[in-house]
N, C-alpha and C. Protein backbone atom coordinates (compact mmCIF):
# COMPACT_ATOMS: atom_id res chain seq x y z
N UNK A 1 -24.40 35.54 65.14
CA UNK A 1 -25.47 35.26 66.08
C UNK A 1 -26.66 35.35 65.50
N UNK A 2 -27.55 34.10 65.57
CA UNK A 2 -28.89 34.11 64.96
C UNK A 2 -29.98 34.90 65.79
N UNK A 3 -31.09 35.27 65.13
CA UNK A 3 -32.16 35.94 65.40
C UNK A 3 -32.87 35.00 66.62
N UNK A 4 -33.58 35.74 67.36
CA UNK A 4 -34.56 35.03 68.39
C UNK A 4 -35.82 35.91 68.43
N UNK A 5 -36.86 35.27 69.12
CA UNK A 5 -38.09 35.72 69.31
C UNK A 5 -38.00 37.10 69.72
N UNK A 6 -38.89 37.89 69.35
CA UNK A 6 -38.94 39.23 69.81
C UNK A 6 -38.29 40.58 68.97
N UNK A 7 -37.31 39.86 68.13
CA UNK A 7 -36.40 40.52 67.27
C UNK A 7 -36.90 40.96 65.71
N UNK A 8 -36.86 42.31 65.52
CA UNK A 8 -37.40 42.68 64.19
C UNK A 8 -36.73 41.82 63.19
N UNK A 9 -37.25 41.16 62.18
CA UNK A 9 -36.83 40.62 60.92
C UNK A 9 -36.27 41.38 60.08
N UNK A 10 -34.99 41.08 59.93
CA UNK A 10 -34.35 41.77 58.71
C UNK A 10 -35.01 41.84 57.48
N UNK A 11 -35.09 42.81 56.84
CA UNK A 11 -35.99 42.98 55.59
C UNK A 11 -35.19 42.42 54.50
N UNK A 12 -35.93 41.96 53.56
CA UNK A 12 -35.21 41.39 52.17
C UNK A 12 -36.52 41.56 51.15
N UNK A 13 -36.25 41.76 49.85
CA UNK A 13 -37.53 41.84 48.88
C UNK A 13 -38.84 40.87 49.10
N UNK A 14 -38.51 39.70 49.07
CA UNK A 14 -39.63 38.85 49.40
C UNK A 14 -40.34 39.17 50.53
N UNK A 15 -39.54 39.30 51.64
CA UNK A 15 -40.33 39.62 52.94
C UNK A 15 -41.23 40.82 52.83
N UNK A 16 -40.66 41.90 52.31
CA UNK A 16 -41.16 43.13 52.06
C UNK A 16 -42.56 43.03 51.29
N UNK A 17 -42.36 42.06 50.14
CA UNK A 17 -43.59 41.80 49.44
C UNK A 17 -44.65 41.47 50.40
N UNK A 18 -44.42 40.41 51.27
CA UNK A 18 -45.50 39.98 52.33
C UNK A 18 -45.91 40.58 53.27
N UNK A 19 -45.45 41.93 53.22
CA UNK A 19 -46.29 43.04 54.06
C UNK A 19 -47.69 42.97 54.66
N UNK A 20 -47.91 42.52 55.92
CA UNK A 20 -49.38 42.45 56.15
C UNK A 20 -49.74 41.12 56.36
N UNK A 21 -48.98 40.31 56.08
CA UNK A 21 -49.19 38.77 56.26
C UNK A 21 -48.05 38.14 57.41
N UNK A 22 -48.51 37.07 58.02
CA UNK A 22 -47.38 36.29 58.71
C UNK A 22 -46.61 35.77 57.74
N UNK A 23 -45.15 35.37 58.02
CA UNK A 23 -44.29 34.87 57.10
C UNK A 23 -43.58 33.92 57.74
N UNK A 24 -43.60 32.56 57.08
CA UNK A 24 -42.50 31.65 57.51
C UNK A 24 -41.45 31.71 56.64
N UNK A 25 -40.21 31.95 57.14
CA UNK A 25 -39.03 31.98 56.56
C UNK A 25 -38.18 30.80 56.88
N UNK A 26 -37.88 29.85 55.84
CA UNK A 26 -37.08 28.76 56.24
C UNK A 26 -35.93 28.79 55.46
N UNK A 27 -34.82 28.54 56.05
CA UNK A 27 -33.35 28.28 55.18
C UNK A 27 -33.12 26.85 55.28
N UNK A 28 -32.55 26.56 54.13
CA UNK A 28 -32.30 25.14 53.91
C UNK A 28 -30.94 25.12 53.15
N UNK A 29 -30.09 24.03 53.42
CA UNK A 29 -28.84 23.80 52.48
C UNK A 29 -28.88 24.07 51.18
N UNK A 30 -29.53 23.12 50.44
CA UNK A 30 -29.47 22.88 48.92
C UNK A 30 -30.74 22.29 48.45
N UNK A 31 -31.02 22.81 47.27
CA UNK A 31 -32.27 22.38 46.36
C UNK A 31 -31.78 20.84 45.98
N UNK A 32 -32.99 20.27 46.04
CA UNK A 32 -33.20 18.66 45.51
C UNK A 32 -32.17 17.70 46.29
N UNK A 33 -32.00 17.98 47.47
CA UNK A 33 -31.19 16.99 48.24
C UNK A 33 -32.26 16.15 49.14
N UNK A 34 -31.98 15.00 49.63
CA UNK A 34 -32.98 14.39 50.45
C UNK A 34 -33.94 15.06 51.46
N UNK A 35 -32.95 15.61 52.69
CA UNK A 35 -33.57 16.58 53.52
C UNK A 35 -34.33 17.74 53.17
N UNK A 36 -33.63 18.39 52.43
CA UNK A 36 -34.21 19.65 51.78
C UNK A 36 -35.49 19.44 51.01
N UNK A 37 -35.51 18.48 50.17
CA UNK A 37 -36.76 18.02 49.32
C UNK A 37 -37.81 17.62 50.25
N UNK A 38 -37.64 16.87 51.10
CA UNK A 38 -38.52 16.33 52.30
C UNK A 38 -39.20 17.63 53.16
N UNK A 39 -38.30 18.75 53.46
CA UNK A 39 -38.75 19.68 54.08
C UNK A 39 -39.58 20.54 53.27
N UNK A 40 -39.13 20.84 52.14
CA UNK A 40 -39.90 21.60 51.07
C UNK A 40 -41.04 21.07 50.89
N UNK A 41 -41.55 19.88 50.50
CA UNK A 41 -42.46 19.01 50.23
C UNK A 41 -43.59 19.12 51.44
N UNK A 42 -42.96 18.87 52.55
CA UNK A 42 -43.70 19.02 53.85
C UNK A 42 -44.28 20.56 54.01
N UNK A 43 -43.56 21.46 53.52
CA UNK A 43 -44.26 22.76 53.83
C UNK A 43 -45.27 22.98 52.65
N UNK A 44 -44.93 22.44 51.37
CA UNK A 44 -46.05 22.60 50.19
C UNK A 44 -47.35 21.85 50.74
N UNK A 45 -47.07 20.60 51.49
CA UNK A 45 -48.27 19.93 51.74
C UNK A 45 -49.11 20.77 52.87
N UNK A 46 -48.34 21.51 53.64
CA UNK A 46 -49.10 22.35 54.68
C UNK A 46 -49.65 23.83 54.13
N UNK A 47 -49.20 24.09 52.86
CA UNK A 47 -49.42 25.10 52.23
C UNK A 47 -51.09 25.88 52.44
N UNK A 48 -51.87 25.08 52.21
CA UNK A 48 -53.18 25.43 52.41
C UNK A 48 -53.81 25.87 53.57
N UNK A 49 -53.09 25.05 54.69
CA UNK A 49 -53.21 25.73 56.24
C UNK A 49 -52.66 26.82 56.63
N UNK A 50 -51.54 26.89 56.02
CA UNK A 50 -50.63 28.20 56.37
C UNK A 50 -51.41 29.43 55.72
N UNK A 51 -51.72 29.33 54.35
CA UNK A 51 -52.88 30.27 53.73
C UNK A 51 -53.75 30.52 54.51
N UNK A 52 -54.60 29.64 55.02
CA UNK A 52 -55.66 29.96 55.89
C UNK A 52 -55.35 30.72 57.25
N UNK A 53 -54.23 30.44 57.49
CA UNK A 53 -53.97 31.22 58.78
C UNK A 53 -53.18 32.65 58.13
N UNK A 54 -53.51 33.10 57.08
CA UNK A 54 -53.03 34.26 56.61
C UNK A 54 -51.49 34.39 56.49
N UNK A 55 -50.99 33.30 56.10
CA UNK A 55 -49.49 33.30 56.23
C UNK A 55 -48.93 32.81 54.81
N UNK A 56 -47.85 33.37 54.55
CA UNK A 56 -46.95 32.71 53.27
C UNK A 56 -45.65 32.27 53.73
N UNK A 57 -45.38 31.08 52.88
CA UNK A 57 -43.98 30.44 52.92
C UNK A 57 -42.98 31.11 52.12
N UNK A 58 -41.56 30.99 52.68
CA UNK A 58 -40.55 31.62 51.85
C UNK A 58 -39.42 30.69 52.32
N UNK A 59 -38.69 29.99 51.22
CA UNK A 59 -37.52 29.09 51.55
C UNK A 59 -36.42 30.17 50.76
N UNK A 60 -35.25 29.73 51.65
CA UNK A 60 -34.11 30.53 51.27
C UNK A 60 -32.76 29.46 51.25
N UNK A 61 -32.23 29.45 50.02
CA UNK A 61 -30.61 28.98 50.21
C UNK A 61 -29.99 29.53 49.25
N UNK A 62 -28.75 29.32 49.20
CA UNK A 62 -27.63 29.94 48.17
C UNK A 62 -27.80 29.50 47.01
N UNK A 63 -28.64 28.71 46.57
CA UNK A 63 -28.81 28.08 45.27
C UNK A 63 -29.35 29.17 44.29
N UNK A 64 -28.80 29.07 42.84
CA UNK A 64 -29.25 29.95 41.68
C UNK A 64 -30.76 29.96 41.67
N UNK A 65 -31.34 30.97 40.99
CA UNK A 65 -32.77 31.06 40.50
C UNK A 65 -33.08 30.00 39.50
N UNK A 66 -32.08 29.49 38.88
CA UNK A 66 -32.36 28.48 37.88
C UNK A 66 -32.59 27.22 38.67
N UNK A 67 -31.68 27.08 39.61
CA UNK A 67 -31.89 25.88 40.38
C UNK A 67 -33.06 25.67 41.01
N UNK A 68 -33.68 26.81 41.78
CA UNK A 68 -34.88 27.05 42.28
C UNK A 68 -36.10 26.75 41.56
N UNK A 69 -36.04 27.35 40.26
CA UNK A 69 -37.03 26.96 39.23
C UNK A 69 -37.05 25.75 38.79
N UNK A 70 -35.87 24.95 38.88
CA UNK A 70 -36.08 23.26 38.43
C UNK A 70 -36.49 22.67 39.80
N UNK A 71 -36.22 22.90 40.98
CA UNK A 71 -36.52 22.27 42.16
C UNK A 71 -38.10 22.42 42.32
N UNK A 72 -38.44 23.90 42.10
CA UNK A 72 -40.15 24.20 41.99
C UNK A 72 -40.78 23.44 41.17
N UNK A 73 -40.35 23.57 39.90
CA UNK A 73 -40.97 22.57 38.73
C UNK A 73 -41.16 21.08 39.26
N UNK A 74 -40.07 20.54 39.78
CA UNK A 74 -39.79 18.88 39.92
C UNK A 74 -40.82 18.70 40.88
N UNK A 75 -41.10 19.33 42.00
CA UNK A 75 -41.62 18.85 43.25
C UNK A 75 -43.14 19.77 43.18
N UNK A 76 -43.40 20.55 42.19
CA UNK A 76 -44.66 21.25 42.40
C UNK A 76 -44.80 22.19 43.58
N UNK A 77 -43.74 22.90 43.81
CA UNK A 77 -43.71 23.93 45.07
C UNK A 77 -44.12 25.30 44.54
N UNK A 78 -45.28 25.62 45.01
CA UNK A 78 -46.00 26.87 44.95
C UNK A 78 -45.90 27.81 46.00
N UNK A 79 -44.58 27.98 46.45
CA UNK A 79 -44.23 29.20 47.27
C UNK A 79 -42.84 29.50 46.69
N UNK A 80 -42.55 30.92 47.45
CA UNK A 80 -41.42 31.65 46.85
C UNK A 80 -40.07 31.01 47.43
N UNK A 81 -39.17 30.82 46.40
CA UNK A 81 -37.60 30.35 46.88
C UNK A 81 -36.70 31.66 46.74
N UNK A 82 -36.16 31.93 47.53
CA UNK A 82 -35.12 33.14 47.26
C UNK A 82 -33.88 32.47 47.18
N UNK A 83 -33.11 32.98 46.23
CA UNK A 83 -31.55 32.81 46.11
C UNK A 83 -30.86 33.87 46.75
N UNK A 84 -29.96 33.30 47.56
CA UNK A 84 -29.35 34.27 48.45
C UNK A 84 -27.81 34.01 48.13
N UNK A 85 -27.49 34.21 47.07
CA UNK A 85 -26.05 33.81 46.16
C UNK A 85 -24.87 34.43 47.14
N UNK A 86 -25.09 35.94 47.58
CA UNK A 86 -24.06 36.56 48.17
C UNK A 86 -24.06 36.01 49.68
N UNK A 87 -25.32 35.60 50.25
CA UNK A 87 -25.13 35.36 51.54
C UNK A 87 -25.67 36.35 52.42
N UNK A 88 -26.16 37.43 51.91
CA UNK A 88 -26.48 38.50 52.95
C UNK A 88 -27.58 38.24 53.90
N UNK A 89 -28.66 37.56 53.24
CA UNK A 89 -29.70 37.20 53.97
C UNK A 89 -29.37 36.15 54.97
N UNK A 90 -28.67 35.17 54.64
CA UNK A 90 -28.32 34.13 55.68
C UNK A 90 -27.27 34.88 56.77
N UNK A 91 -26.57 35.78 56.58
CA UNK A 91 -25.82 36.69 57.64
C UNK A 91 -26.62 37.32 58.44
N UNK A 92 -27.68 37.83 57.71
CA UNK A 92 -28.47 38.84 58.49
C UNK A 92 -29.54 37.88 59.33
N UNK A 93 -29.68 36.82 59.24
CA UNK A 93 -30.68 35.80 60.23
C UNK A 93 -29.65 34.86 61.09
N UNK A 94 -28.51 35.10 60.88
CA UNK A 94 -27.25 34.14 61.70
C UNK A 94 -27.31 32.78 61.25
N UNK A 95 -27.68 32.30 60.00
CA UNK A 95 -27.68 31.13 59.82
C UNK A 95 -26.58 30.21 58.96
N UNK A 96 -25.68 31.44 58.59
CA UNK A 96 -24.38 31.01 58.07
C UNK A 96 -23.25 30.49 59.10
N UNK A 97 -23.05 29.38 59.44
CA UNK A 97 -22.43 28.87 60.35
C UNK A 97 -21.32 27.96 60.12
N UNK A 98 -20.35 27.81 60.70
CA UNK A 98 -19.41 26.86 60.63
C UNK A 98 -20.11 25.51 61.12
N UNK A 99 -20.00 24.41 60.02
CA UNK A 99 -20.31 23.09 60.48
C UNK A 99 -19.34 22.11 60.33
N UNK A 100 -19.60 20.72 60.73
CA UNK A 100 -18.55 19.87 60.76
C UNK A 100 -19.47 18.33 60.14
N UNK A 101 -18.60 17.81 59.12
CA UNK A 101 -19.18 16.83 58.62
C UNK A 101 -17.71 15.67 58.40
N UNK A 102 -17.77 14.63 59.21
CA UNK A 102 -16.81 13.52 58.93
C UNK A 102 -15.57 14.21 59.32
N UNK A 103 -15.52 15.02 60.27
CA UNK A 103 -14.27 15.60 60.66
C UNK A 103 -13.68 17.03 59.97
N UNK A 104 -14.55 17.46 58.95
CA UNK A 104 -14.12 18.36 58.04
C UNK A 104 -14.73 19.48 58.34
N UNK A 105 -14.40 20.71 58.76
CA UNK A 105 -15.05 21.93 59.01
C UNK A 105 -15.32 22.86 57.87
N UNK A 106 -16.46 23.51 57.75
CA UNK A 106 -16.91 24.26 56.47
C UNK A 106 -17.82 25.20 56.75
N UNK A 107 -18.24 26.13 56.04
CA UNK A 107 -19.25 27.07 56.17
C UNK A 107 -20.51 26.76 55.44
N UNK A 108 -21.71 26.75 56.05
CA UNK A 108 -22.76 26.32 55.34
C UNK A 108 -24.23 27.10 55.97
N UNK A 109 -25.29 26.54 55.57
CA UNK A 109 -26.63 26.95 56.07
C UNK A 109 -27.04 26.10 57.28
N UNK A 110 -27.31 26.68 58.38
CA UNK A 110 -27.89 25.93 59.41
C UNK A 110 -29.50 25.78 58.97
N UNK A 111 -29.94 24.72 59.04
CA UNK A 111 -31.27 24.49 58.89
C UNK A 111 -32.09 25.17 59.83
N UNK A 112 -32.57 26.26 59.53
CA UNK A 112 -33.45 27.22 60.47
C UNK A 112 -34.88 27.80 59.91
N UNK A 113 -35.53 27.94 60.83
CA UNK A 113 -36.98 28.53 60.62
C UNK A 113 -37.33 29.66 61.23
N UNK A 114 -38.09 30.63 60.73
CA UNK A 114 -38.41 31.96 61.60
C UNK A 114 -40.02 32.20 61.26
N UNK A 115 -40.67 32.23 62.40
CA UNK A 115 -42.18 32.68 62.17
C UNK A 115 -42.25 34.24 62.49
N UNK A 116 -42.61 34.95 61.50
CA UNK A 116 -42.47 36.38 61.63
C UNK A 116 -43.99 36.97 61.52
N UNK A 117 -44.40 37.69 62.46
CA UNK A 117 -45.85 38.20 62.44
C UNK A 117 -46.03 39.21 61.40
N UNK A 118 -47.24 39.79 61.46
CA UNK A 118 -47.64 40.73 60.41
C UNK A 118 -46.86 42.13 60.68
N UNK A 119 -46.36 42.39 61.88
CA UNK A 119 -45.70 43.50 62.02
C UNK A 119 -44.19 43.57 61.72
N UNK A 120 -43.78 42.30 61.33
CA UNK A 120 -42.38 42.10 61.17
C UNK A 120 -41.48 41.80 62.27
N UNK A 121 -42.08 41.09 63.07
CA UNK A 121 -41.21 40.76 64.27
C UNK A 121 -41.16 39.25 64.39
N UNK A 122 -40.09 38.79 64.47
CA UNK A 122 -39.83 37.40 64.83
C UNK A 122 -40.60 36.82 66.09
N UNK A 123 -41.41 35.77 65.95
CA UNK A 123 -42.22 35.29 66.99
C UNK A 123 -41.93 34.14 67.70
N UNK A 124 -41.20 33.41 66.55
CA UNK A 124 -40.42 32.06 66.98
C UNK A 124 -39.41 31.75 66.16
N UNK A 125 -38.41 31.23 66.67
CA UNK A 125 -37.03 30.61 65.74
C UNK A 125 -36.95 29.22 66.11
N UNK A 126 -36.69 28.53 65.10
CA UNK A 126 -36.08 26.96 65.31
C UNK A 126 -34.95 26.95 64.75
N UNK A 127 -33.84 26.50 65.46
CA UNK A 127 -32.42 26.22 64.75
C UNK A 127 -32.35 24.94 64.80
N UNK A 128 -31.32 24.35 63.85
CA UNK A 128 -31.08 22.86 63.73
C UNK A 128 -32.18 22.27 63.74
N UNK A 129 -32.88 22.50 62.65
CA UNK A 129 -34.25 22.00 62.67
C UNK A 129 -34.17 20.36 61.84
N UNK A 130 -34.92 19.63 62.69
CA UNK A 130 -35.22 18.18 62.30
C UNK A 130 -36.45 18.23 61.51
N UNK A 131 -36.31 17.90 60.26
CA UNK A 131 -37.34 17.82 58.93
C UNK A 131 -38.57 17.14 59.62
N UNK A 132 -38.25 16.01 60.27
CA UNK A 132 -39.73 15.20 60.33
C UNK A 132 -40.49 15.88 61.51
N UNK A 133 -41.98 16.09 61.05
CA UNK A 133 -42.94 17.08 61.79
C UNK A 133 -42.60 18.27 62.17
N UNK A 134 -41.55 18.98 61.49
CA UNK A 134 -41.11 20.31 61.53
C UNK A 134 -42.31 21.32 60.96
N UNK A 135 -42.84 20.89 59.84
CA UNK A 135 -44.08 21.90 59.35
C UNK A 135 -45.09 21.97 60.13
N UNK A 136 -45.45 20.85 60.77
CA UNK A 136 -46.56 20.78 61.89
C UNK A 136 -46.22 21.54 62.95
N UNK A 137 -45.13 21.67 63.35
CA UNK A 137 -44.84 22.74 64.54
C UNK A 137 -44.91 23.93 64.25
N UNK A 138 -44.44 24.30 63.11
CA UNK A 138 -44.36 25.58 62.60
C UNK A 138 -45.99 26.43 62.69
N UNK A 139 -46.76 25.18 61.85
CA UNK A 139 -48.26 25.47 61.88
C UNK A 139 -48.93 25.72 63.21
N UNK A 140 -48.57 24.93 64.22
CA UNK A 140 -49.06 25.12 65.69
C UNK A 140 -48.89 26.31 66.27
N UNK A 141 -47.54 26.77 66.01
CA UNK A 141 -46.91 27.94 66.60
C UNK A 141 -47.67 29.21 65.92
N UNK A 142 -48.13 29.12 64.56
CA UNK A 142 -48.69 29.93 63.83
C UNK A 142 -50.13 30.04 64.18
N UNK A 143 -50.72 29.21 64.53
CA UNK A 143 -52.07 29.23 64.92
C UNK A 143 -52.11 29.88 66.19
N UNK A 144 -51.07 29.98 67.06
CA UNK A 144 -51.09 30.45 68.46
C UNK A 144 -50.81 31.88 68.66
N UNK A 145 -50.56 32.54 67.48
CA UNK A 145 -50.02 34.06 67.31
C UNK A 145 -51.43 34.50 67.65
């Protein structure tokens, strides 16, 4: 079951390090794939606006730290990417779900974003995110806090 607005956000080290700021936590399936790259680059382009609203961005996938480092360098990403190799954070946020692709069922990350306020409470949750325009929607919600 995934988190919804009004729920305390499960802690993990990068979130704890951002204490006192608004935090955008987004989960994505895989580094350097078309949709995930587009989403990461959209968050990067909006980073000055997020920073201006006293917010930080944290991206999470099950990829390794080495994969994240390569991804960040390739696309000039200047925000934290967390490796959730054991899936504990994905499980805590309810984004590790059964998916269906070409009739084949498998477990994977549901593209999701959580806006967490300075008190550590989820203020808005987006599930099954469509990448186009998403960073802008998150920014609008942040400005409304």
